[in-house]
Amino acid sequence: MVAFCPFCSNILFVEESSEGQLQFTCNVCPVFFPVKRLISYRNYYKLKEIDDVLGGEEAWKNVDSTEERCPKCGHERAYFMQLQTRSADEPMTTFYRCCNSECNHNWRD
């Protein structure tokens, strides 16, 4: 809950009064409102789903393989595809996936 001052509409801050009680205080107006009960709210926001920028599993279906060593398992062959990830005057980025079905490690060059 965010409380706002009814006079100037600025946000109210929680401070401790001279008596040791909590109160909502406006930094602009000389007003305060004592906190009479515990106020707490918890919101869990739904995170949006992240899209796979490489196209997911469908993108790796009909790709070629080459002699490239996997940095994770050491397998000698890897699938590859090239995508233009930067401007047109930059070289294409090569993405690799290990041919070892137990590894399937992805990396780029």
PDB file of N, CA and C in Angstrom:
ATOM      1  N   MET A   1       0.841  -1.177   0.000  1.00  0.00           N
ATOM      2  CA  MET A   1       0.000   0.000   0.000  1.00  0.00           C
ATOM      3  C   MET A   1       0.884   1.237   0.000  1.00  0.00           C
ATOM      4  N   VAL A   2       0.573   2.159  -0.844  1.00  0.00           N
ATOM      5  CA  VAL A   2       1.269   3.432  -0.884  1.00  0.00           C
ATOM      6  C   VAL A   2       0.270   4.497  -0.477  1.00  0.00           C
ATOM      7  N   ALA A   3       0.610   5.220   0.569  1.00  0.00           N
ATOM      8  CA  ALA A   3      -0.289   6.265   1.065  1.00  0.00           C
ATOM      9  C   ALA A   3       0.171   7.618   0.530  1.00  0.00           C
ATOM     10  N   PHE A   4      -0.801   8.451   0.206  1.00  0.00           N
ATOM     11  CA  PHE A   4      -0.516   9.784  -0.313  1.00  0.00           C
ATOM     12  C   PHE A   4      -1.153  10.831   0.581  1.00  0.00           C
ATOM     13  N   CYS A   5      -0.532  11.993   0.656  1.00  0.00           N
ATOM     14  CA  CYS A   5      -1.034  13.105   1.458  1.00  0.00           C
ATOM     15  C   CYS A   5      -2.351  13.608   0.861  1.00  0.00           C
ATOM     16  N   PRO A   6      -3.413  13.763   1.687  1.00  0.00           N
ATOM     17  CA  PRO A   6      -4.690  14.240   1.160  1.00  0.00           C
ATOM     18  C   PRO A   6      -4.664  15.724   0.778  1.00  0.00           C
ATOM     19  N   PHE A   7      -3.633  16.460   1.171  1.00  0.00           N
ATOM     20  CA  PHE A   7      -3.573  17.897   0.906  1.00  0.00           C
ATOM     21  C   PHE A   7      -2.718  18.238  -0.313  1.00  0.00           C
ATOM     22  N   CYS A   8      -1.515  17.628  -0.403  1.00  0.00           N
ATOM     23  CA  CYS A   8      -0.600  17.970  -1.503  1.00  0.00           C
ATOM     24  C   CYS A   8      -0.357  16.816  -2.469  1.00  0.00           C
ATOM     25  N   SER A   9      -0.860  15.635  -2.180  1.00  0.00           N
ATOM     26  CA  SER A   9      -0.755  14.432  -3.011  1.00  0.00           C
ATOM     27  C   SER A   9       0.660  13.867  -3.118  1.00  0.00           C
ATOM     28  N   ASN A  10       1.572  14.285  -2.245  1.00  0.00           N
ATOM     29  CA  ASN A  10       2.900  13.673  -2.209  1.00  0.00           C
ATOM     30  C   ASN A  10       2.831  12.356  -1.451  1.00  0.00           C
ATOM     31  N   ILE A  11       3.810  11.500  -1.657  1.00  0.00           N
ATOM     32  CA  ILE A  11       3.835  10.212  -0.985  1.00  0.00           C
ATOM     33  C   ILE A  11       4.135  10.409   0.499  1.00  0.00           C
ATOM     34  N   LEU A  12       3.482   9.598   1.330  1.00  0.00           N
ATOM     35  CA  LEU A  12       3.717   9.652   2.768  1.00  0.00           C
ATOM     36  C   LEU A  12       4.784   8.634   3.140  1.00  0.00           C
ATOM     37  N   PHE A  13       5.676   9.019   4.022  1.00  0.00           N
ATOM     38  CA  PHE A  13       6.750   8.155   4.476  1.00  0.00           C
ATOM     39  C   PHE A  13       6.453   7.667   5.875  1.00  0.00           C
ATOM     40  N   VAL A  14       6.922   6.479   6.204  1.00  0.00           N
ATOM     41  CA  VAL A  14       6.744   5.935   7.544  1.00  0.00           C
ATOM     42  C   VAL A  14       7.928   6.371   8.393  1.00  0.00           C
ATOM     43  N   GLU A  15       7.621   7.009   9.528  1.00  0.00           N
ATOM     44  CA  GLU A  15       8.653   7.459  10.462  1.00  0.00           C
ATOM     45  C   GLU A  15       8.233   7.083  11.864  1.00  0.00           C
ATOM     46  N   GLU A  16       9.196   7.127  12.764  1.00  0.00           N
ATOM     47  CA  GLU A  16       8.899   6.856  14.164  1.00  0.00           C
ATOM     48  C   GLU A  16       8.678   8.182  14.868  1.00  0.00           C
ATOM     49  N   SER A  17       7.582   8.293  15.617  1.00  0.00           N
ATOM     50  CA  SER A  17       7.274   9.538  16.331  1.00  0.00           C
ATOM     51  C   SER A  17       8.131   9.632  17.586  1.00  0.00           C
ATOM     52  N   SER A  18       8.024  10.768  18.280  1.00  0.00           N
ATOM     53  CA  SER A  18       8.793  10.964  19.510  1.00  0.00           C
ATOM     54  C   SER A  18       8.352  10.011  20.619  1.00  0.00           C
ATOM     55  N   GLU A  19       7.115   9.503  20.527  1.00  0.00           N
ATOM     56  CA  GLU A  19       6.620   8.534  21.508  1.00  0.00           C
ATOM     57  C   GLU A  19       7.008   7.105  21.146  1.00  0.00           C
ATOM     58  N   GLY A  20       7.678   6.887  20.029  1.00  0.00           N
ATOM     59  CA  GLY A  20       8.087   5.555  19.616  1.00  0.00           C
ATOM     60  C   GLY A  20       7.064   4.833  18.764  1.00  0.00           C
ATOM     61  N   GLN A  21       6.010   5.501  18.351  1.00  0.00           N
ATOM     62  CA  GLN A  21       4.970   4.907  17.505  1.00  0.00           C
ATOM     63  C   GLN A  21       5.281   5.218  16.045  1.00  0.00           C
ATOM     64  N   LEU A  22       4.840   4.324  15.144  1.00  0.00           N
ATOM     65  CA  LEU A  22       5.021   4.566  13.717  1.00  0.00           C
ATOM     66  C   LEU A  22       3.918   5.471  13.205  1.00  0.00           C
ATOM     67  N   GLN A  23       4.292   6.352  12.269  1.00  0.00           N
ATOM     68  CA  GLN A  23       3.307   7.260  11.688  1.00  0.00           C
ATOM     69  C   GLN A  23       3.660   7.551  10.236  1.00  0.00           C
ATOM     70  N   PHE A  24       2.618   7.823   9.436  1.00  0.00           N
ATOM     71  CA  PHE A  24       2.805   8.306   8.077  1.00  0.00           C
ATOM     72  C   PHE A  24       3.019   9.804   8.151  1.00  0.00           C
ATOM     73  N   THR A  25       4.087  10.303   7.496  1.00  0.00           N
ATOM     74  CA  THR A  25       4.424  11.716   7.555  1.00  0.00           C
ATOM     75  C   THR A  25       4.638  12.247   6.151  1.00  0.00           C
ATOM     76  N   CYS A  26       4.128  13.446   5.904  1.00  0.00           N
ATOM     77  CA  CYS A  26       4.339  14.128   4.630  1.00  0.00           C
ATOM     78  C   CYS A  26       5.573  15.016   4.762  1.00  0.00           C
ATOM     79  N   ASN A  27       6.448  14.991   3.762  1.00  0.00           N
ATOM     80  CA  ASN A  27       7.649  15.833   3.798  1.00  0.00           C
ATOM     81  C   ASN A  27       7.357  17.280   3.452  1.00  0.00           C
ATOM     82  N   VAL A  28       6.194  17.571   2.874  1.00  0.00           N
ATOM     83  CA  VAL A  28       5.860  18.927   2.451  1.00  0.00           C
ATOM     84  C   VAL A  28       4.911  19.589   3.451  1.00  0.00           C
ATOM     85  N   CYS A  29       3.828  18.914   3.772  1.00  0.00           N
ATOM     86  CA  CYS A  29       2.820  19.456   4.693  1.00  0.00           C
ATOM     87  C   CYS A  29       3.162  19.073   6.135  1.00  0.00           C
ATOM     88  N   PRO A  30       2.753  19.864   7.096  1.00  0.00           N
ATOM     89  CA  PRO A  30       3.008  19.514   8.501  1.00  0.00           C
ATOM     90  C   PRO A  30       1.931  18.565   9.056  1.00  0.00           C
ATOM     91  N   VAL A  31       1.680  17.467   8.373  1.00  0.00           N
ATOM     92  CA  VAL A  31       0.658  16.525   8.812  1.00  0.00           C
ATOM     93  C   VAL A  31       1.288  15.159   9.057  1.00  0.00           C
ATOM     94  N   PHE A  32       0.642  14.388   9.938  1.00  0.00           N
ATOM     95  CA  PHE A  32       1.051  13.010  10.174  1.00  0.00           C
ATOM     96  C   PHE A  32      -0.197  12.205  10.513  1.00  0.00           C
ATOM     97  N   PHE A  33      -0.117  10.925  10.221  1.00  0.00           N
ATOM     98  CA  PHE A  33      -1.215  10.009  10.476  1.00  0.00           C
ATOM     99  C   PHE A  33      -0.651   8.797  11.201  1.00  0.00           C
ATOM    100  N   PRO A  34      -1.085   8.542  12.438  1.00  0.00           N
ATOM    101  CA  PRO A  34      -0.537   7.392  13.163  1.00  0.00           C
ATOM    102  C   PRO A  34      -0.951   6.072  12.523  1.00  0.00           C
ATOM    103  N   VAL A  35      -0.027   5.112  12.546  1.00  0.00           N
ATOM    104  CA  VAL A  35      -0.310   3.777  12.035  1.00  0.00           C
ATOM    105  C   VAL A  35      -1.046   3.028  13.142  1.00  0.00           C
ATOM    106  N   LYS A  36      -2.285   2.603  12.844  1.00  0.00           N
ATOM    107  CA  LYS A  36      -3.120   1.975  13.861  1.00  0.00           C
ATOM    108  C   LYS A  36      -3.055   0.454  13.820  1.00  0.00           C
ATOM    109  N   ARG A  37      -2.704  -0.112  12.659  1.00  0.00           N
ATOM    110  CA  ARG A  37      -2.635  -1.564  12.536  1.00  0.00           C
ATOM    111  C   ARG A  37      -1.533  -1.921  11.553  1.00  0.00           C
ATOM    112  N   LEU A  38      -1.120  -3.164  11.608  1.00  0.00           N
ATOM    113  CA  LEU A  38      -0.079  -3.645  10.705  1.00  0.00           C
ATOM    114  C   LEU A  38      -0.626  -3.701   9.288  1.00  0.00           C
ATOM    115  N   ILE A  39       0.088  -3.096   8.368  1.00  0.00           N
ATOM    116  CA  ILE A  39      -0.318  -3.075   6.969  1.00  0.00           C
ATOM    117  C   ILE A  39       0.772  -3.755   6.168  1.00  0.00           C
ATOM    118  N   SER A  40       0.418  -4.836   5.503  1.00  0.00           N
ATOM    119  CA  SER A  40       1.389  -5.500   4.637  1.00  0.00           C
ATOM    120  C   SER A  40       0.652  -6.157   3.484  1.00  0.00           C
ATOM    121  N   TYR A  41       1.251  -6.049   2.319  1.00  0.00           N
ATOM    122  CA  TYR A  41       0.721  -6.654   1.114  1.00  0.00           C
ATOM    123  C   TYR A  41       1.871  -7.325   0.395  1.00  0.00           C
ATOM    124  N   ARG A  42       1.574  -8.404  -0.290  1.00  0.00           N
ATOM    125  CA  ARG A  42       2.583  -9.067  -1.085  1.00  0.00           C
ATOM    126  C   ARG A  42       1.950  -9.387  -2.434  1.00  0.00           C
ATOM    127  N   ASN A  43       2.576  -8.920  -3.487  1.00  0.00           N
ATOM    128  CA  ASN A  43       2.107  -9.188  -4.837  1.00  0.00           C
ATOM    129  C   ASN A  43       3.125 -10.050  -5.556  1.00  0.00           C
ATOM    130  N   TYR A  44       2.650 -11.101  -6.189  1.00  0.00           N
ATOM    131  CA  TYR A  44       3.499 -11.937  -7.008  1.00  0.00           C
ATOM    132  C   TYR A  44       3.143 -11.670  -8.456  1.00  0.00           C
ATOM    133  N   TYR A  45       4.054 -11.096  -9.187  1.00  0.00           N
ATOM    134  CA  TYR A  45       3.800 -10.751 -10.566  1.00  0.00           C
ATOM    135  C   TYR A  45       4.122 -11.939 -11.466  1.00  0.00           C
ATOM    136  N   LYS A  46       3.312 -12.132 -12.477  1.00  0.00           N
ATOM    137  CA  LYS A  46       3.544 -13.196 -13.426  1.00  0.00           C
ATOM    138  C   LYS A  46       4.627 -12.733 -14.401  1.00  0.00           C
ATOM    139  N   LEU A  47       5.686 -13.490 -14.488  1.00  0.00           N
ATOM    140  CA  LEU A  47       6.774 -13.147 -15.394  1.00  0.00           C
ATOM    141  C   LEU A  47       6.397 -13.540 -16.813  1.00  0.00           C
ATOM    142  N   LYS A  48       6.777 -12.710 -17.755  1.00  0.00           N
ATOM    143  CA  LYS A  48       6.465 -13.032 -19.138  1.00  0.00           C
ATOM    144  C   LYS A  48       7.376 -14.150 -19.626  1.00  0.00           C
ATOM    145  N   GLU A  49       6.877 -14.909 -20.570  1.00  0.00           N
ATOM    146  CA  GLU A  49       7.655 -16.002 -21.121  1.00  0.00           C
ATOM    147  C   GLU A  49       8.732 -15.452 -22.049  1.00  0.00           C
ATOM    148  N   ILE A  50       9.897 -16.070 -21.987  1.00  0.00           N
ATOM    149  CA  ILE A  50      11.024 -15.622 -22.800  1.00  0.00           C
ATOM    150  C   ILE A  50      11.034 -16.412 -24.104  1.00  0.00           C
ATOM    151  N   ASP A  51      11.075 -15.699 -25.212  1.00  0.00           N
ATOM    152  CA  ASP A  51      11.145 -16.346 -26.515  1.00  0.00           C
ATOM    153  C   ASP A  51      12.574 -16.804 -26.785  1.00  0.00           C
ATOM    154  N   ASP A  52      12.692 -17.926 -27.447  1.00  0.00           N
ATOM    155  CA  ASP A  52      14.010 -18.423 -27.839  1.00  0.00           C
ATOM    156  C   ASP A  52      14.429 -17.673 -29.099  1.00  0.00           C
ATOM    157  N   VAL A  53      15.507 -16.891 -29.008  1.00  0.00           N
ATOM    158  CA  VAL A  53      15.921 -16.055 -30.132  1.00  0.00           C
ATOM    159  C   VAL A  53      16.467 -16.870 -31.293  1.00  0.00           C
ATOM    160  N   LEU A  54      16.868 -18.110 -31.046  1.00  0.00           N
ATOM    161  CA  LEU A  54      17.387 -18.946 -32.121  1.00  0.00           C
ATOM    162  C   LEU A  54      16.292 -19.740 -32.817  1.00  0.00           C
ATOM    163  N   GLY A  55      15.054 -19.637 -32.370  1.00  0.00           N
ATOM    164  CA  GLY A  55      13.960 -20.331 -33.025  1.00  0.00           C
ATOM    165  C   GLY A  55      13.550 -21.626 -32.356  1.00  0.00           C
ATOM    166  N   GLY A  56      14.127 -21.960 -31.220  1.00  0.00           N
ATOM    167  CA  GLY A  56      13.750 -23.163 -30.490  1.00  0.00           C
ATOM    168  C   GLY A  56      14.289 -24.430 -31.127  1.00  0.00           C
ATOM    169  N   GLU A  57      13.667 -25.546 -30.797  1.00  0.00           N
ATOM    170  CA  GLU A  57      14.110 -26.847 -31.298  1.00  0.00           C
ATOM    171  C   GLU A  57      13.877 -26.994 -32.801  1.00  0.00           C
ATOM    172  N   GLU A  58      12.870 -26.316 -33.334  1.00  0.00           N
ATOM    173  CA  GLU A  58      12.573 -26.407 -34.774  1.00  0.00           C
ATOM    174  C   GLU A  58      13.721 -25.875 -35.623  1.00  0.00           C
ATOM    175  N   ALA A  59      14.439 -24.891 -35.133  1.00  0.00           N
ATOM    176  CA  ALA A  59      15.536 -24.296 -35.904  1.00  0.00           C
ATOM    177  C   ALA A  59      16.703 -25.262 -36.089  1.00  0.00           C
ATOM    178  N   TRP A  60      16.856 -26.241 -35.199  1.00  0.00           N
ATOM    179  CA  TRP A  60      17.981 -27.175 -35.263  1.00  0.00           C
ATOM    180  C   TRP A  60      17.636 -28.456 -36.015  1.00  0.00           C
ATOM    181  N   LYS A  61      16.441 -28.579 -36.587  1.00  0.00           N
ATOM    182  CA  LYS A  61      16.007 -29.835 -37.231  1.00  0.00           C
ATOM    183  C   LYS A  61      16.810 -30.149 -38.503  1.00  0.00           C
ATOM    184  N   ASN A  62      16.953 -29.217 -39.414  1.00  0.00           N
ATOM    185  CA  ASN A  62      17.584 -29.478 -40.712  1.00  0.00           C
ATOM    186  C   ASN A  62      18.881 -28.695 -40.886  1.00  0.00           C
ATOM    187  N   VAL A  63      19.778 -28.808 -39.930  1.00  0.00           N
ATOM    188  CA  VAL A  63      21.055 -28.104 -40.025  1.00  0.00           C
ATOM    189  C   VAL A  63      22.170 -29.108 -40.309  1.00  0.00           C
ATOM    190  N   ASP A  64      23.276 -28.609 -40.820  1.00  0.00           N
ATOM    191  CA  ASP A  64      24.423 -29.446 -41.146  1.00  0.00           C
ATOM    192  C   ASP A  64      25.319 -29.601 -39.928  1.00  0.00           C
ATOM    193  N   SER A  65      26.211 -30.573 -39.990  1.00  0.00           N
ATOM    194  CA  SER A  65      27.186 -30.758 -38.921  1.00  0.00           C
ATOM    195  C   SER A  65      28.583 -30.532 -39.483  1.00  0.00           C
ATOM    196  N   THR A  66      29.509 -30.234 -38.594  1.00  0.00           N
ATOM    197  CA  THR A  66      30.889 -29.968 -38.989  1.00  0.00           C
ATOM    198  C   THR A  66      31.829 -30.518 -37.930  1.00  0.00           C
ATOM    199  N   GLU A  67      33.110 -30.529 -38.232  1.00  0.00           N
ATOM    200  CA  GLU A  67      34.103 -30.975 -37.257  1.00  0.00           C
ATOM    201  C   GLU A  67      34.421 -29.819 -36.319  1.00  0.00           C
ATOM    202  N   GLU A  68      33.794 -29.807 -35.194  1.00  0.00           N
ATOM    203  CA  GLU A  68      34.010 -28.786 -34.163  1.00  0.00           C
ATOM    204  C   GLU A  68      33.922 -29.488 -32.812  1.00  0.00           C
ATOM    205  N   ARG A  69      34.924 -29.309 -31.973  1.00  0.00           N
ATOM    206  CA  ARG A  69      34.973 -29.992 -30.674  1.00  0.00           C
ATOM    207  C   ARG A  69      34.071 -29.277 -29.666  1.00  0.00           C
ATOM    208  N   CYS A  70      33.255 -30.062 -28.977  1.00  0.00           N
ATOM    209  CA  CYS A  70      32.369 -29.519 -27.939  1.00  0.00           C
ATOM    210  C   CYS A  70      33.203 -29.133 -26.718  1.00  0.00           C
ATOM    211  N   PRO A  71      33.080 -27.898 -26.221  1.00  0.00           N
ATOM    212  CA  PRO A  71      33.874 -27.496 -25.059  1.00  0.00           C
ATOM    213  C   PRO A  71      33.411 -28.170 -23.764  1.00  0.00           C
ATOM    214  N   LYS A  72      32.219 -28.757 -23.771  1.00  0.00           N
ATOM    215  CA  LYS A  72      31.706 -29.379 -22.545  1.00  0.00           C
ATOM    216  C   LYS A  72      32.084 -30.858 -22.449  1.00  0.00           C
ATOM    217  N   CYS A  73      31.793 -31.641 -23.506  1.00  0.00           N
ATOM    218  CA  CYS A  73      32.020 -33.095 -23.425  1.00  0.00           C
ATOM    219  C   CYS A  73      33.176 -33.573 -24.305  1.00  0.00           C
ATOM    220  N   GLY A  74      33.670 -32.733 -25.217  1.00  0.00           N
ATOM    221  CA  GLY A  74      34.793 -33.110 -26.070  1.00  0.00           C
ATOM    222  C   GLY A  74      34.407 -33.888 -27.315  1.00  0.00           C
ATOM    223  N   HIS A  75      33.122 -34.009 -27.610  1.00  0.00           N
ATOM    224  CA  HIS A  75      32.666 -34.710 -28.817  1.00  0.00           C
ATOM    225  C   HIS A  75      33.213 -33.980 -30.040  1.00  0.00           C
ATOM    226  N   GLU A  76      33.569 -34.734 -31.094  1.00  0.00           N
ATOM    227  CA  GLU A  76      34.276 -34.167 -32.248  1.00  0.00           C
ATOM    228  C   GLU A  76      33.379 -33.463 -33.264  1.00  0.00           C
ATOM    229  N   ARG A  77      32.059 -33.687 -33.245  1.00  0.00           N
ATOM    230  CA  ARG A  77      31.178 -33.081 -34.255  1.00  0.00           C
ATOM    231  C   ARG A  77      30.130 -32.216 -33.575  1.00  0.00           C
ATOM    232  N   ALA A  78      29.688 -31.192 -34.326  1.00  0.00           N
ATOM    233  CA  ALA A  78      28.663 -30.293 -33.812  1.00  0.00           C
ATOM    234  C   ALA A  78      27.796 -29.802 -34.967  1.00  0.00           C
ATOM    235  N   TYR A  79      26.509 -29.615 -34.691  1.00  0.00           N
ATOM    236  CA  TYR A  79      25.621 -28.976 -35.654  1.00  0.00           C
ATOM    237  C   TYR A  79      25.920 -27.480 -35.632  1.00  0.00           C
ATOM    238  N   PHE A  80      25.675 -26.807 -36.754  1.00  0.00           N
ATOM    239  CA  PHE A  80      25.921 -25.361 -36.766  1.00  0.00           C
ATOM    240  C   PHE A  80      24.868 -24.657 -37.614  1.00  0.00           C
ATOM    241  N   MET A  81      24.664 -23.386 -37.295  1.00  0.00           N
ATOM    242  CA  MET A  81      23.854 -22.490 -38.131  1.00  0.00           C
ATOM    243  C   MET A  81      24.413 -21.087 -37.962  1.00  0.00           C
ATOM    244  N   GLN A  82      24.227 -20.281 -38.996  1.00  0.00           N
ATOM    245  CA  GLN A  82      24.746 -18.922 -38.980  1.00  0.00           C
ATOM    246  C   GLN A  82      23.579 -17.941 -39.050  1.00  0.00           C
ATOM    247  N   LEU A  83      23.652 -16.917 -38.200  1.00  0.00           N
ATOM    248  CA  LEU A  83      22.631 -15.868 -38.162  1.00  0.00           C
ATOM    249  C   LEU A  83      23.300 -14.514 -38.186  1.00  0.00           C
ATOM    250  N   GLN A  84      22.641 -13.565 -38.812  1.00  0.00           N
ATOM    251  CA  GLN A  84      23.127 -12.192 -38.827  1.00  0.00           C
ATOM    252  C   GLN A  84      22.597 -11.504 -37.583  1.00  0.00           C
ATOM    253  N   THR A  85      23.436 -11.372 -36.548  1.00  0.00           N
ATOM    254  CA  THR A  85      22.991 -10.797 -35.282  1.00  0.00           C
ATOM    255  C   THR A  85      23.393  -9.335 -35.135  1.00  0.00           C
ATOM    256  N   ARG A  86      24.303  -8.866 -35.960  1.00  0.00           N
ATOM    257  CA  ARG A  86      24.756  -7.477 -35.891  1.00  0.00           C
ATOM    258  C   ARG A  86      24.422  -6.780 -37.203  1.00  0.00           C
ATOM    259  N   SER A  87      25.018  -5.637 -37.429  1.00  0.00           N
ATOM    260  CA  SER A  87      24.737  -4.899 -38.652  1.00  0.00           C
ATOM    261  C   SER A  87      25.291  -5.653 -39.862  1.00  0.00           C
ATOM    262  N   ALA A  88      24.874  -5.234 -41.044  1.00  0.00           N
ATOM    263  CA  ALA A  88      25.209  -5.970 -42.270  1.00  0.00           C
ATOM    264  C   ALA A  88      26.701  -5.955 -42.590  1.00  0.00           C
ATOM    265  N   ASP A  89      27.439  -4.963 -42.102  1.00  0.00           N
ATOM    266  CA  ASP A  89      28.873  -4.919 -42.404  1.00  0.00           C
ATOM    267  C   ASP A  89      29.700  -5.776 -41.443  1.00  0.00           C
ATOM    268  N   GLU A  90      29.077  -6.416 -40.464  1.00  0.00           N
ATOM    269  CA  GLU A  90      29.755  -7.319 -39.529  1.00  0.00           C
ATOM    270  C   GLU A  90      29.566  -8.757 -40.006  1.00  0.00           C
ATOM    271  N   PRO A  91      30.496  -9.652 -39.649  1.00  0.00           N
ATOM    272  CA  PRO A  91      30.328 -11.057 -40.070  1.00  0.00           C
ATOM    273  C   PRO A  91      29.181 -11.731 -39.321  1.00  0.00           C
ATOM    274  N   MET A  92      28.700 -12.832 -39.899  1.00  0.00           N
ATOM    275  CA  MET A  92      27.610 -13.582 -39.286  1.00  0.00           C
ATOM    276  C   MET A  92      28.117 -14.309 -38.041  1.00  0.00           C
ATOM    277  N   THR A  93      27.217 -14.549 -37.091  1.00  0.00           N
ATOM    278  CA  THR A  93      27.553 -15.295 -35.888  1.00  0.00           C
ATOM    279  C   THR A  93      27.221 -16.765 -36.120  1.00  0.00           C
ATOM    280  N   THR A  94      28.161 -17.649 -35.798  1.00  0.00           N
ATOM    281  CA  THR A  94      27.960 -19.080 -35.959  1.00  0.00           C
ATOM    282  C   THR A  94      27.584 -19.684 -34.610  1.00  0.00           C
ATOM    283  N   PHE A  95      26.444 -20.365 -34.573  1.00  0.00           N
ATOM    284  CA  PHE A  95      25.976 -21.041 -33.374  1.00  0.00           C
ATOM    285  C   PHE A  95      26.183 -22.537 -33.562  1.00  0.00           C
ATOM    286  N   TYR A  96      26.647 -23.204 -32.506  1.00  0.00           N
ATOM    287  CA  TYR A  96      26.921 -24.631 -32.545  1.00  0.00           C
ATOM    288  C   TYR A  96      26.085 -25.356 -31.499  1.00  0.00           C
ATOM    289  N   ARG A  97      25.788 -26.629 -31.791  1.00  0.00           N
ATOM    290  CA  ARG A  97      25.153 -27.533 -30.831  1.00  0.00           C
ATOM    291  C   ARG A  97      25.844 -28.875 -30.956  1.00  0.00           C
ATOM    292  N   CYS A  98      26.222 -29.438 -29.831  1.00  0.00           N
ATOM    293  CA  CYS A  98      26.934 -30.714 -29.808  1.00  0.00           C
ATOM    294  C   CYS A  98      26.071 -31.815 -30.421  1.00  0.00           C
ATOM    295  N   CYS A  99      26.675 -32.650 -31.250  1.00  0.00           N
ATOM    296  CA  CYS A  99      25.969 -33.783 -31.873  1.00  0.00           C
ATOM    297  C   CYS A  99      25.707 -34.906 -30.884  1.00  0.00           C
ATOM    298  N   ASN A 100      26.400 -34.926 -29.763  1.00  0.00           N
ATOM    299  CA  ASN A 100      26.184 -35.935 -28.735  1.00  0.00           C
ATOM    300  C   ASN A 100      24.809 -35.682 -28.110  1.00  0.00           C
ATOM    301  N   SER A 101      23.879 -36.643 -28.279  1.00  0.00           N
ATOM    302  CA  SER A 101      22.501 -36.441 -27.824  1.00  0.00           C
ATOM    303  C   SER A 101      22.396 -36.333 -26.308  1.00  0.00           C
ATOM    304  N   GLU A 102      23.378 -36.848 -25.580  1.00  0.00           N
ATOM    305  CA  GLU A 102      23.357 -36.721 -24.123  1.00  0.00           C
ATOM    306  C   GLU A 102      23.851 -35.363 -23.655  1.00  0.00           C
ATOM    307  N   CYS A 103      24.600 -34.666 -24.494  1.00  0.00           N
ATOM    308  CA  CYS A 103      25.181 -33.362 -24.115  1.00  0.00           C
ATOM    309  C   CYS A 103      24.302 -32.204 -24.598  1.00  0.00           C
ATOM    310  N   ASN A 104      24.116 -32.088 -25.931  1.00  0.00           N
ATOM    311  CA  ASN A 104      23.347 -31.004 -26.550  1.00  0.00           C
ATOM    312  C   ASN A 104      23.766 -29.610 -26.092  1.00  0.00           C
ATOM    313  N   HIS A 105      25.044 -29.443 -25.800  1.00  0.00           N
ATOM    314  CA  HIS A 105      25.557 -28.138 -25.355  1.00  0.00           C
ATOM    315  C   HIS A 105      25.533 -27.141 -26.511  1.00  0.00           C
ATOM    316  N   ASN A 106      25.096 -25.902 -26.237  1.00  0.00           N
ATOM    317  CA  ASN A 106      25.076 -24.823 -27.237  1.00  0.00           C
ATOM    318  C   ASN A 106      26.202 -23.840 -26.952  1.00  0.00           C
ATOM    319  N   TRP A 107      26.854 -23.355 -27.991  1.00  0.00           N
ATOM    320  CA  TRP A 107      27.837 -22.286 -27.871  1.00  0.00           C
ATOM    321  C   TRP A 107      27.901 -21.548 -29.198  1.00  0.00           C
ATOM    322  N   ARG A 108      28.616 -20.435 -29.201  1.00  0.00           N
ATOM    323  CA  ARG A 108      28.729 -19.636 -30.423  1.00  0.00           C
ATOM    324  C   ARG A 108      30.180 -19.286 -30.674  1.00  0.00           C
ATOM    325  N   ASP A 109      30.439 -18.914 -31.907  1.00  0.00           N
ATOM    326  CA  ASP A 109      31.795 -18.561 -32.300  1.00  0.00           C
ATOM    327  C   ASP A 109      31.782 -17.199 -32.931  1.00  0.00           C
TER     328      ASP A 109
END
